C-alpha cells in the first residue's frame, strides 16, 4: 500500500506547478477555493481539467482550468505506483 504522505507530496507538486501557471484574474477572491478534477495520461499530459466546486466566478473557474492545462505535462511521481490517471486537487490563493 502506498503511504499517504508520499501521495500528498506528489499532489502538492502538481498543485504547485498549476499555481505557477495561474494568472490571477481581478475577480479572484482572497478566500478562493476551487476543487478541480484532473485526468492525465502516463507521462503527465493533461487530457481534462474541470472545476467541480469553486467560490469564484466563471472567469476564475476558466483561469484555474487553463492553468492546469498550461502546467502539462504534470510532474511525475518518484514511485510509479503513486501515479493517478484521475484525481482532484484543491486550489486556493494560499497554495
PDB file of N, CA and C in Angstrom:
ATOM      1  N   UNK A   1       0.848  -1.189   0.000  1.00  0.00           N
ATOM      2  CA  UNK A   1       0.000   0.000   0.000  1.00  0.00           C
ATOM      3  C   UNK A   1       0.893   1.253   0.000  1.00  0.00           C
ATOM      4  N   UNK A   2       0.488   2.223  -0.781  1.00  0.00           N
ATOM      5  CA  UNK A   2       1.255   3.460  -0.903  1.00  0.00           C
ATOM      6  C   UNK A   2       1.003   4.332   0.324  1.00  0.00           C
ATOM      7  N   UNK A   3       2.059   4.833   0.884  1.00  0.00           N
ATOM      8  CA  UNK A   3       1.981   5.715   2.044  1.00  0.00           C
ATOM      9  C   UNK A   3       1.282   7.015   1.652  1.00  0.00           C
ATOM     10  N   UNK A   4       0.314   7.443   2.461  1.00  0.00           N
ATOM     11  CA  UNK A   4      -0.445   8.667   2.168  1.00  0.00           C
ATOM     12  C   UNK A   4       0.454   9.902   2.152  1.00  0.00           C
ATOM     13  N   UNK A   5       1.527   9.883   2.917  1.00  0.00           N
ATOM     14  CA  UNK A   5       2.460  11.004   2.922  1.00  0.00           C
ATOM     15  C   UNK A   5       3.030  11.223   1.527  1.00  0.00           C
ATOM     16  N   UNK A   6       3.471  10.149   0.877  1.00  0.00           N
ATOM     17  CA  UNK A   6       4.074  10.269  -0.448  1.00  0.00           C
ATOM     18  C   UNK A   6       3.047  10.679  -1.500  1.00  0.00           C
ATOM     19  N   UNK A   7       1.810  10.199  -1.348  1.00  0.00           N
ATOM     20  CA  UNK A   7       0.755  10.612  -2.279  1.00  0.00           C
ATOM     21  C   UNK A   7       0.490  12.112  -2.105  1.00  0.00           C
ATOM     22  N   UNK A   8       0.494  12.595  -0.868  1.00  0.00           N
ATOM     23  CA  UNK A   8       0.261  14.023  -0.612  1.00  0.00           C
ATOM     24  C   UNK A   8       1.408  14.868  -1.172  1.00  0.00           C
ATOM     25  N   UNK A   9       2.632  14.390  -1.029  1.00  0.00           N
ATOM     26  CA  UNK A   9       3.786  15.100  -1.591  1.00  0.00           C
ATOM     27  C   UNK A   9       3.629  15.211  -3.106  1.00  0.00           C
ATOM     28  N   UNK A  10       3.231  14.127  -3.744  1.00  0.00           N
ATOM     29  CA  UNK A  10       3.026  14.116  -5.193  1.00  0.00           C
ATOM     30  C   UNK A  10       1.932  15.110  -5.590  1.00  0.00           C
ATOM     31  N   UNK A  11       0.804  15.100  -4.880  1.00  0.00           N
ATOM     32  CA  UNK A  11      -0.271  16.021  -5.225  1.00  0.00           C
ATOM     33  C   UNK A  11       0.125  17.472  -4.956  1.00  0.00           C
ATOM     34  N   UNK A  12       0.926  17.708  -3.926  1.00  0.00           N
ATOM     35  CA  UNK A  12       1.419  19.065  -3.669  1.00  0.00           C
ATOM     36  C   UNK A  12       2.319  19.550  -4.804  1.00  0.00           C
ATOM     37  N   UNK A  13       3.129  18.646  -5.366  1.00  0.00           N
ATOM     38  CA  UNK A  13       3.974  19.011  -6.512  1.00  0.00           C
ATOM     39  C   UNK A  13       3.104  19.460  -7.683  1.00  0.00           C
ATOM     40  N   UNK A  14       2.029  18.740  -7.916  1.00  0.00           N
ATOM     41  CA  UNK A  14       1.119  19.076  -9.010  1.00  0.00           C
ATOM     42  C   UNK A  14       0.442  20.415  -8.746  1.00  0.00           C
ATOM     43  N   UNK A  15      -0.063  20.598  -7.532  1.00  0.00           N
ATOM     44  CA  UNK A  15      -0.740  21.846  -7.191  1.00  0.00           C
ATOM     45  C   UNK A  15       0.190  23.037  -7.340  1.00  0.00           C
ATOM     46  N   UNK A  16       1.437  22.896  -6.915  1.00  0.00           N
ATOM     47  CA  UNK A  16       2.396  23.996  -7.041  1.00  0.00           C
ATOM     48  C   UNK A  16       2.691  24.313  -8.502  1.00  0.00           C
ATOM     49  N   UNK A  17       2.793  23.285  -9.339  1.00  0.00           N
ATOM     50  CA  UNK A  17       3.018  23.514 -10.777  1.00  0.00           C
ATOM     51  C   UNK A  17       1.846  24.278 -11.375  1.00  0.00           C
ATOM     52  N   UNK A  18       0.630  23.888 -11.006  1.00  0.00           N
ATOM     53  CA  UNK A  18      -0.560  24.580 -11.505  1.00  0.00           C
ATOM     54  C   UNK A  18      -0.553  26.029 -11.021  1.00  0.00           C
ATOM     55  N   UNK A  19      -0.248  26.232  -9.770  1.00  0.00           N
ATOM     56  CA  UNK A  19      -0.240  27.586  -9.177  1.00  0.00           C
ATOM     57  C   UNK A  19       0.723  28.502  -9.928  1.00  0.00           C
ATOM     58  N   UNK A  20       1.894  27.974 -10.297  1.00  0.00           N
ATOM     59  CA  UNK A  20       2.878  28.784 -11.023  1.00  0.00           C
ATOM     60  C   UNK A  20       2.397  29.142 -12.430  1.00  0.00           C
ATOM     61  N   UNK A  21       1.436  28.401 -12.939  1.00  0.00           N
ATOM     62  CA  UNK A  21       0.913  28.639 -14.285  1.00  0.00           C
ATOM     63  C   UNK A  21      -0.411  29.396 -14.284  1.00  0.00           C
ATOM     64  N   UNK A  22      -0.805  29.912 -13.122  1.00  0.00           N
ATOM     65  CA  UNK A  22      -2.087  30.599 -12.992  1.00  0.00           C
ATOM     66  C   UNK A  22      -1.904  32.106 -13.060  1.00  0.00           C
ATOM     67  N   UNK A  23      -2.695  32.741 -13.893  1.00  0.00           N
ATOM     68  CA  UNK A  23      -2.741  34.203 -13.968  1.00  0.00           C
ATOM     69  C   UNK A  23      -3.999  34.629 -13.222  1.00  0.00           C
ATOM     70  N   UNK A  24      -3.815  35.208 -12.039  1.00  0.00           N
ATOM     71  CA  UNK A  24      -4.952  35.553 -11.175  1.00  0.00           C
ATOM     72  C   UNK A  24      -5.798  36.651 -11.808  1.00  0.00           C
ATOM     73  N   UNK A  25      -7.068  36.362 -12.075  1.00  0.00           N
ATOM     74  CA  UNK A  25      -7.959  37.405 -12.586  1.00  0.00           C
ATOM     75  C   UNK A  25      -8.294  38.417 -11.485  1.00  0.00           C
ATOM     76  N   UNK A  26      -8.671  39.600 -11.864  1.00  0.00           N
ATOM     77  CA  UNK A  26      -9.019  40.633 -10.898  1.00  0.00           C
ATOM     78  C   UNK A  26     -10.221  40.275 -10.041  1.00  0.00           C
ATOM     79  N   UNK A  27     -11.045  39.346 -10.517  1.00  0.00           N
ATOM     80  CA  UNK A  27     -12.245  38.965  -9.765  1.00  0.00           C
ATOM     81  C   UNK A  27     -11.994  37.845  -8.755  1.00  0.00           C
ATOM     82  N   UNK A  28     -10.767  37.342  -8.686  1.00  0.00           N
ATOM     83  CA  UNK A  28     -10.466  36.236  -7.759  1.00  0.00           C
ATOM     84  C   UNK A  28     -10.487  36.730  -6.318  1.00  0.00           C
ATOM     85  N   UNK A  29     -11.254  36.070  -5.503  1.00  0.00           N
ATOM     86  CA  UNK A  29     -11.379  36.422  -4.086  1.00  0.00           C
ATOM     87  C   UNK A  29     -10.154  35.944  -3.314  1.00  0.00           C
ATOM     88  N   UNK A  30      -9.854  36.633  -2.211  1.00  0.00           N
ATOM     89  CA  UNK A  30      -8.725  36.219  -1.374  1.00  0.00           C
ATOM     90  C   UNK A  30      -8.973  34.875  -0.688  1.00  0.00           C
ATOM     91  N   UNK A  31     -10.248  34.520  -0.512  1.00  0.00           N
ATOM     92  CA  UNK A  31     -10.580  33.234   0.110  1.00  0.00           C
ATOM     93  C   UNK A  31     -10.955  32.179  -0.939  1.00  0.00           C
ATOM     94  N   UNK A  32     -10.404  32.325  -2.134  1.00  0.00           N
ATOM     95  CA  UNK A  32     -10.713  31.415  -3.233  1.00  0.00           C
ATOM     96  C   UNK A  32     -10.415  29.969  -2.867  1.00  0.00           C
ATOM     97  N   UNK A  33     -11.345  29.103  -3.239  1.00  0.00           N
ATOM     98  CA  UNK A  33     -11.143  27.665  -3.081  1.00  0.00           C
ATOM     99  C   UNK A  33     -11.871  26.975  -4.227  1.00  0.00           C
ATOM    100  N   UNK A  34     -11.091  26.289  -5.059  1.00  0.00           N
ATOM    101  CA  UNK A  34     -11.653  25.554  -6.186  1.00  0.00           C
ATOM    102  C   UNK A  34     -11.172  24.113  -6.125  1.00  0.00           C
ATOM    103  N   UNK A  35     -12.083  23.200  -6.345  1.00  0.00           N
ATOM    104  CA  UNK A  35     -11.726  21.789  -6.446  1.00  0.00           C
ATOM    105  C   UNK A  35     -11.792  21.435  -7.924  1.00  0.00           C
ATOM    106  N   UNK A  36     -10.682  20.897  -8.421  1.00  0.00           N
ATOM    107  CA  UNK A  36     -10.540  20.622  -9.842  1.00  0.00           C
ATOM    108  C   UNK A  36     -10.349  19.128 -10.047  1.00  0.00           C
ATOM    109  N   UNK A  37     -11.146  18.557 -10.942  1.00  0.00           N
ATOM    110  CA  UNK A  37     -10.978  17.165 -11.341  1.00  0.00           C
ATOM    111  C   UNK A  37     -10.035  17.148 -12.546  1.00  0.00           C
ATOM    112  N   UNK A  38      -8.975  16.363 -12.440  1.00  0.00           N
ATOM    113  CA  UNK A  38      -7.942  16.322 -13.472  1.00  0.00           C
ATOM    114  C   UNK A  38      -7.795  14.900 -13.998  1.00  0.00           C
ATOM    115  N   UNK A  39      -7.666  14.776 -15.307  1.00  0.00           N
ATOM    116  CA  UNK A  39      -7.331  13.499 -15.929  1.00  0.00           C
ATOM    117  C   UNK A  39      -6.023  13.690 -16.680  1.00  0.00           C
ATOM    118  N   UNK A  40      -5.114  12.728 -16.478  1.00  0.00           N
ATOM    119  CA  UNK A  40      -3.834  12.763 -17.171  1.00  0.00           C
ATOM    120  C   UNK A  40      -3.544  11.370 -17.726  1.00  0.00           C
ATOM    121  N   UNK A  41      -2.631  11.325 -18.657  1.00  0.00           N
ATOM    122  CA  UNK A  41      -2.162  10.048 -19.187  1.00  0.00           C
ATOM    123  C   UNK A  41      -0.736   9.837 -18.696  1.00  0.00           C
ATOM    124  N   UNK A  42      -0.234   8.605 -18.765  1.00  0.00           N
ATOM    125  CA  UNK A  42       1.160   8.388 -18.361  1.00  0.00           C
ATOM    126  C   UNK A  42       2.079   9.366 -19.093  1.00  0.00           C
ATOM    127  N   UNK A  43       2.998   9.932 -18.356  1.00  0.00           N
ATOM    128  CA  UNK A  43       3.856  10.981 -18.886  1.00  0.00           C
ATOM    129  C   UNK A  43       3.415  12.348 -18.389  1.00  0.00           C
ATOM    130  N   UNK A  44       2.209  12.424 -17.816  1.00  0.00           N
ATOM    131  CA  UNK A  44       1.747  13.655 -17.198  1.00  0.00           C
ATOM    132  C   UNK A  44       0.963  14.606 -18.081  1.00  0.00           C
ATOM    133  N   UNK A  45       0.681  14.227 -19.324  1.00  0.00           N
ATOM    134  CA  UNK A  45      -0.090  15.109 -20.198  1.00  0.00           C
ATOM    135  C   UNK A  45      -1.531  15.179 -19.714  1.00  0.00           C
ATOM    136  N   UNK A  46      -2.005  16.397 -19.491  1.00  0.00           N
ATOM    137  CA  UNK A  46      -3.375  16.616 -19.036  1.00  0.00           C
ATOM    138  C   UNK A  46      -4.324  16.452 -20.213  1.00  0.00           C
ATOM    139  N   UNK A  47      -5.348  15.621 -20.032  1.00  0.00           N
ATOM    140  CA  UNK A  47      -6.347  15.451 -21.082  1.00  0.00           C
ATOM    141  C   UNK A  47      -7.667  16.111 -20.698  1.00  0.00           C
ATOM    142  N   UNK A  48      -7.834  16.430 -19.405  1.00  0.00           N
ATOM    143  CA  UNK A  48      -9.057  17.082 -18.964  1.00  0.00           C
ATOM    144  C   UNK A  48      -8.812  17.773 -17.631  1.00  0.00           C
ATOM    145  N   UNK A  49      -9.380  18.959 -17.491  1.00  0.00           N
ATOM    146  CA  UNK A  49      -9.362  19.690 -16.217  1.00  0.00           C
ATOM    147  C   UNK A  49     -10.708  20.385 -16.099  1.00  0.00           C
ATOM    148  N   UNK A  50     -11.435  20.069 -15.037  1.00  0.00           N
ATOM    149  CA  UNK A  50     -12.781  20.620 -14.875  1.00  0.00           C
ATOM    150  C   UNK A  50     -12.995  21.020 -13.419  1.00  0.00           C
ATOM    151  N   UNK A  51     -13.333  22.283 -13.195  1.00  0.00           N
ATOM    152  CA  UNK A  51     -13.656  22.749 -11.855  1.00  0.00           C
ATOM    153  C   UNK A  51     -15.003  22.139 -11.474  1.00  0.00           C
ATOM    154  N   UNK A  52     -15.030  21.434 -10.333  1.00  0.00           N
ATOM    155  CA  UNK A  52     -16.280  20.812  -9.898  1.00  0.00           C
ATOM    156  C   UNK A  52     -16.921  21.558  -8.736  1.00  0.00           C
ATOM    157  N   UNK A  53     -16.130  22.384  -8.068  1.00  0.00           N
ATOM    158  CA  UNK A  53     -16.649  23.213  -6.974  1.00  0.00           C
ATOM    159  C   UNK A  53     -15.731  24.414  -6.835  1.00  0.00           C
ATOM    160  N   UNK A  54     -16.330  25.614  -6.718  1.00  0.00           N
ATOM    161  CA  UNK A  54     -15.499  26.809  -6.628  1.00  0.00           C
ATOM    162  C   UNK A  54     -16.339  27.981  -6.144  1.00  0.00           C
ATOM    163  N   UNK A  55     -15.732  28.815  -5.300  1.00  0.00           N
ATOM    164  CA  UNK A  55     -16.436  30.013  -4.844  1.00  0.00           C
ATOM    165  C   UNK A  55     -16.071  31.236  -5.696  1.00  0.00           C
ATOM    166  N   UNK A  56     -15.469  30.994  -6.859  1.00  0.00           N
ATOM    167  CA  UNK A  56     -15.126  32.069  -7.784  1.00  0.00           C
ATOM    168  C   UNK A  56     -16.113  32.130  -8.940  1.00  0.00           C
ATOM    169  N   UNK A  57     -16.042  33.208  -9.711  1.00  0.00           N
ATOM    170  CA  UNK A  57     -16.931  33.361 -10.859  1.00  0.00           C
ATOM    171  C   UNK A  57     -16.421  32.549 -12.057  1.00  0.00           C
ATOM    172  N   UNK A  58     -17.134  32.650 -13.174  1.00  0.00           N
ATOM    173  CA  UNK A  58     -16.771  31.867 -14.362  1.00  0.00           C
ATOM    174  C   UNK A  58     -15.375  32.208 -14.876  1.00  0.00           C
ATOM    175  N   UNK A  59     -14.991  33.477 -14.789  1.00  0.00           N
ATOM    176  CA  UNK A  59     -13.652  33.876 -15.240  1.00  0.00           C
ATOM    177  C   UNK A  59     -12.582  33.175 -14.409  1.00  0.00           C
ATOM    178  N   UNK A  60     -12.785  33.132 -13.108  1.00  0.00           N
ATOM    179  CA  UNK A  60     -11.835  32.459 -12.212  1.00  0.00           C
ATOM    180  C   UNK A  60     -11.802  30.965 -12.508  1.00  0.00           C
ATOM    181  N   UNK A  61     -12.965  30.365 -12.663  1.00  0.00           N
ATOM    182  CA  UNK A  61     -13.032  28.923 -12.950  1.00  0.00           C
ATOM    183  C   UNK A  61     -12.251  28.585 -14.224  1.00  0.00           C
ATOM    184  N   UNK A  62     -12.492  29.364 -15.268  1.00  0.00           N
ATOM    185  CA  UNK A  62     -11.790  29.112 -16.538  1.00  0.00           C
ATOM    186  C   UNK A  62     -10.284  29.328 -16.386  1.00  0.00           C
ATOM    187  N   UNK A  63      -9.893  30.318 -15.580  1.00  0.00           N
ATOM    188  CA  UNK A  63      -8.459  30.585 -15.399  1.00  0.00           C
ATOM    189  C   UNK A  63      -7.773  29.427 -14.669  1.00  0.00           C
ATOM    190  N   UNK A  64      -8.461  28.826 -13.712  1.00  0.00           N
ATOM    191  CA  UNK A  64      -7.891  27.682 -12.991  1.00  0.00           C
ATOM    192  C   UNK A  64      -7.769  26.479 -13.928  1.00  0.00           C
ATOM    193  N   UNK A  65      -8.804  26.217 -14.705  1.00  0.00           N
ATOM    194  CA  UNK A  65      -8.753  25.114 -15.665  1.00  0.00           C
ATOM    195  C   UNK A  65      -7.619  25.333 -16.677  1.00  0.00           C
ATOM    196  N   UNK A  66      -7.483  26.568 -17.157  1.00  0.00           N
ATOM    197  CA  UNK A  66      -6.414  26.885 -18.113  1.00  0.00           C
ATOM    198  C   UNK A  66      -5.042  26.678 -17.477  1.00  0.00           C
ATOM    199  N   UNK A  67      -4.901  27.016 -16.202  1.00  0.00           N
ATOM    200  CA  UNK A  67      -3.619  26.832 -15.507  1.00  0.00           C
ATOM    201  C   UNK A  67      -3.237  25.364 -15.443  1.00  0.00           C
ATOM    202  N   UNK A  68      -4.213  24.499 -15.236  1.00  0.00           N
ATOM    203  CA  UNK A  68      -3.928  23.055 -15.204  1.00  0.00           C
ATOM    204  C   UNK A  68      -3.405  22.610 -16.564  1.00  0.00           C
ATOM    205  N   UNK A  69      -4.048  23.073 -17.622  1.00  0.00           N
ATOM    206  CA  UNK A  69      -3.599  22.685 -18.972  1.00  0.00           C
ATOM    207  C   UNK A  69      -2.206  23.254 -19.279  1.00  0.00           C
ATOM    208  N   UNK A  70      -1.935  24.490 -18.847  1.00  0.00           N
ATOM    209  CA  UNK A  70      -0.605  25.073 -19.081  1.00  0.00           C
ATOM    210  C   UNK A  70       0.477  24.344 -18.275  1.00  0.00           C
ATOM    211  N   UNK A  71       0.106  23.748 -17.153  1.00  0.00           N
ATOM    212  CA  UNK A  71       1.062  23.029 -16.305  1.00  0.00           C
ATOM    213  C   UNK A  71       1.439  21.670 -16.899  1.00  0.00           C
ATOM    214  N   UNK A  72       0.757  21.261 -17.932  1.00  0.00           N
ATOM    215  CA  UNK A  72       1.011  19.974 -18.576  1.00  0.00           C
ATOM    216  C   UNK A  72       2.317  20.025 -19.363  1.00  0.00           C
ATOM    217  N   UNK A  73       3.148  18.993 -19.295  1.00  0.00           N
ATOM    218  CA  UNK A  73       2.940  17.757 -18.545  1.00  0.00           C
ATOM    219  C   UNK A  73       3.170  17.973 -17.048  1.00  0.00           C
ATOM    220  N   UNK A  74       2.357  17.297 -16.275  1.00  0.00           N
ATOM    221  CA  UNK A  74       2.453  17.385 -14.820  1.00  0.00           C
ATOM    222  C   UNK A  74       3.666  16.614 -14.320  1.00  0.00           C
ATOM    223  N   UNK A  75       4.159  16.990 -13.136  1.00  0.00           N
ATOM    224  CA  UNK A  75       5.296  16.255 -12.566  1.00  0.00           C
ATOM    225  C   UNK A  75       4.947  14.776 -12.396  1.00  0.00           C
ATOM    226  N   UNK A  76       5.936  13.959 -12.552  1.00  0.00           N
ATOM    227  CA  UNK A  76       5.750  12.522 -12.380  1.00  0.00           C
ATOM    228  C   UNK A  76       6.203  12.111 -10.980  1.00  0.00           C
ATOM    229  N   UNK A  77       5.517  11.147 -10.399  1.00  0.00           N
ATOM    230  CA  UNK A  77       5.895  10.720  -9.049  1.00  0.00           C
ATOM    231  C   UNK A  77       7.203   9.936  -9.070  1.00  0.00           C
ATOM    232  N   UNK A  78       7.900   9.973  -7.942  1.00  0.00           N
ATOM    233  CA  UNK A  78       9.141   9.206  -7.831  1.00  0.00           C
ATOM    234  C   UNK A  78       8.857   7.710  -7.861  1.00  0.00           C
ATOM    235  N   UNK A  79       7.697   7.311  -7.391  1.00  0.00           N
ATOM    236  CA  UNK A  79       7.282   5.913  -7.406  1.00  0.00           C
ATOM    237  C   UNK A  79       6.109   5.779  -8.379  1.00  0.00           C
ATOM    238  N   UNK A  80       6.250   4.988  -9.436  1.00  0.00           N
ATOM    239  CA  UNK A  80       5.177   4.859 -10.432  1.00  0.00           C
ATOM    240  C   UNK A  80       3.841   4.393  -9.839  1.00  0.00           C
ATOM    241  N   UNK A  81       3.868   3.748  -8.685  1.00  0.00           N
ATOM    242  CA  UNK A  81       2.626   3.300  -8.060  1.00  0.00           C
ATOM    243  C   UNK A  81       1.783   4.467  -7.547  1.00  0.00           C
ATOM    244  N   UNK A  82       2.389   5.655  -7.429  1.00  0.00           N
ATOM    245  CA  UNK A  82       1.664   6.842  -6.979  1.00  0.00           C
ATOM    246  C   UNK A  82       0.865   7.494  -8.103  1.00  0.00           C
ATOM    247  N   UNK A  83       1.175   7.151  -9.347  1.00  0.00           N
ATOM    248  CA  UNK A  83       0.524   7.788 -10.485  1.00  0.00           C
ATOM    249  C   UNK A  83      -0.985   7.559 -10.430  1.00  0.00           C
ATOM    250  N   UNK A  84      -1.728   8.626 -10.650  1.00  0.00           N
ATOM    251  CA  UNK A  84      -3.182   8.557 -10.724  1.00  0.00           C
ATOM    252  C   UNK A  84      -3.634   9.140 -12.056  1.00  0.00           C
ATOM    253  N   UNK A  85      -4.424   8.396 -12.778  1.00  0.00           N
ATOM    254  CA  UNK A  85      -4.951   8.891 -14.051  1.00  0.00           C
ATOM    255  C   UNK A  85      -5.982   9.992 -13.805  1.00  0.00           C
ATOM    256  N   UNK A  86      -6.818   9.816 -12.796  1.00  0.00           N
ATOM    257  CA  UNK A  86      -7.840  10.796 -12.448  1.00  0.00           C
ATOM    258  C   UNK A  86      -7.699  11.128 -10.968  1.00  0.00           C
ATOM    259  N   UNK A  87      -7.719  12.402 -10.653  1.00  0.00           N
ATOM    260  CA  UNK A  87      -7.599  12.835  -9.263  1.00  0.00           C
ATOM    261  C   UNK A  87      -8.161  14.240  -9.134  1.00  0.00           C
ATOM    262  N   UNK A  88      -8.264  14.703  -7.905  1.00  0.00           N
ATOM    263  CA  UNK A  88      -8.733  16.060  -7.642  1.00  0.00           C
ATOM    264  C   UNK A  88      -7.652  16.829  -6.902  1.00  0.00           C
ATOM    265  N   UNK A  89      -7.562  18.111  -7.218  1.00  0.00           N
ATOM    266  CA  UNK A  89      -6.698  18.998  -6.428  1.00  0.00           C
ATOM    267  C   UNK A  89      -7.571  20.136  -5.906  1.00  0.00           C
ATOM    268  N   UNK A  90      -7.193  20.639  -4.753  1.00  0.00           N
ATOM    269  CA  UNK A  90      -7.851  21.798  -4.176  1.00  0.00           C
ATOM    270  C   UNK A  90      -6.929  22.984  -4.375  1.00  0.00           C
ATOM    271  N   UNK A  91      -7.433  23.966  -5.088  1.00  0.00           N
ATOM    272  CA  UNK A  91      -6.653  25.125  -5.471  1.00  0.00           C
ATOM    273  C   UNK A  91      -7.134  26.311  -4.648  1.00  0.00           C
ATOM    274  N   UNK A  92      -6.201  26.948  -3.926  1.00  0.00           N
ATOM    275  CA  UNK A  92      -6.516  28.140  -3.129  1.00  0.00           C
ATOM    276  C   UNK A  92      -5.466  29.214  -3.405  1.00  0.00           C
ATOM    277  N   UNK A  93      -5.771  30.427  -3.011  1.00  0.00           N
ATOM    278  CA  UNK A  93      -4.824  31.550  -3.169  1.00  0.00           C
ATOM    279  C   UNK A  93      -3.572  31.299  -2.341  1.00  0.00           C
ATOM    280  N   UNK A  94      -3.722  30.651  -1.199  1.00  0.00           N
ATOM    281  CA  UNK A  94      -2.606  30.450  -0.273  1.00  0.00           C
ATOM    282  C   UNK A  94      -1.654  29.336  -0.665  1.00  0.00           C
ATOM    283  N   UNK A  95      -1.956  28.602  -1.743  1.00  0.00           N
ATOM    284  CA  UNK A  95      -1.077  27.478  -2.143  1.00  0.00           C
ATOM    285  C   UNK A  95       0.313  27.970  -2.432  1.00  0.00           C
TER     286      UNK A  95
END
